[in-house]
Amino acid sequence: MTLKIYQADAFTDQLFGGNPAAVCPLQQWLPDETMQKIALEN
C-alpha cells in the first residue's frame, strides 16, 4: 500500500513548532486496524 502522508504543525506560526499531526488524504476509509498501524508509525 502506498499513501501520501503530510505533516501539519498545529497551534503555532513557527516552522517545526507546535503539535505535529500526520494527515493522510484517502479516496475511501481504511479498516480501523490499518488506520491504527499508520498512527503508530507517525
Protein backbone atom coordinates (compact mmCIF):
# COMPACT_ATOMS: atom_id res chain seq x y z
CA MET A 1 0.00 0.00 0.00
CA THR A 2 1.25 3.47 -0.87
CA LEU A 3 -0.12 6.53 0.90
CA LYS A 4 0.82 10.19 0.75
CA ILE A 5 1.36 11.41 4.29
CA TYR A 6 1.69 15.09 5.15
CA GLN A 7 2.68 16.65 8.46
CA ALA A 8 0.84 19.71 9.72
CA ASP A 9 2.19 21.70 12.67
CA ALA A 10 -0.86 22.82 14.65
CA PHE A 11 -1.13 25.59 17.26
CA THR A 12 1.90 27.54 16.03
CA ASP A 13 3.14 30.03 13.48
CA GLN A 14 6.71 28.68 13.81
CA LEU A 15 8.17 26.21 11.32
CA PHE A 16 8.75 22.83 13.02
CA GLY A 17 6.92 24.05 16.12
CA GLY A 18 3.59 23.30 17.74
CA ASN A 19 1.88 19.94 17.76
CA PRO A 20 2.70 17.77 14.72
CA ALA A 21 -0.20 15.90 13.13
CA ALA A 22 0.00 13.36 10.30
CA VAL A 23 -2.58 13.89 7.54
CA CYS A 24 -3.42 11.13 5.02
CA PRO A 25 -5.89 12.14 2.28
CA LEU A 26 -7.90 8.99 1.42
CA GLN A 27 -10.13 8.03 -1.50
CA GLN A 28 -12.00 5.67 0.83
CA TRP A 29 -11.87 4.90 4.54
CA LEU A 30 -9.39 2.21 5.57
CA PRO A 31 -10.10 -0.52 8.14
CA ASP A 32 -9.58 0.60 11.75
CA GLU A 33 -6.68 -1.84 12.19
CA THR A 34 -4.84 -0.31 9.24
CA MET A 35 -5.52 3.23 10.46
CA GLN A 36 -4.15 2.31 13.90
CA LYS A 37 -0.94 0.92 12.36
CA ILE A 38 -0.45 4.13 10.37
CA ALA A 39 -1.00 6.19 13.54
CA LEU A 40 1.57 4.15 15.47
CA GLU A 41 4.23 4.84 12.85
CA ASN A 42 3.55 8.58 12.61
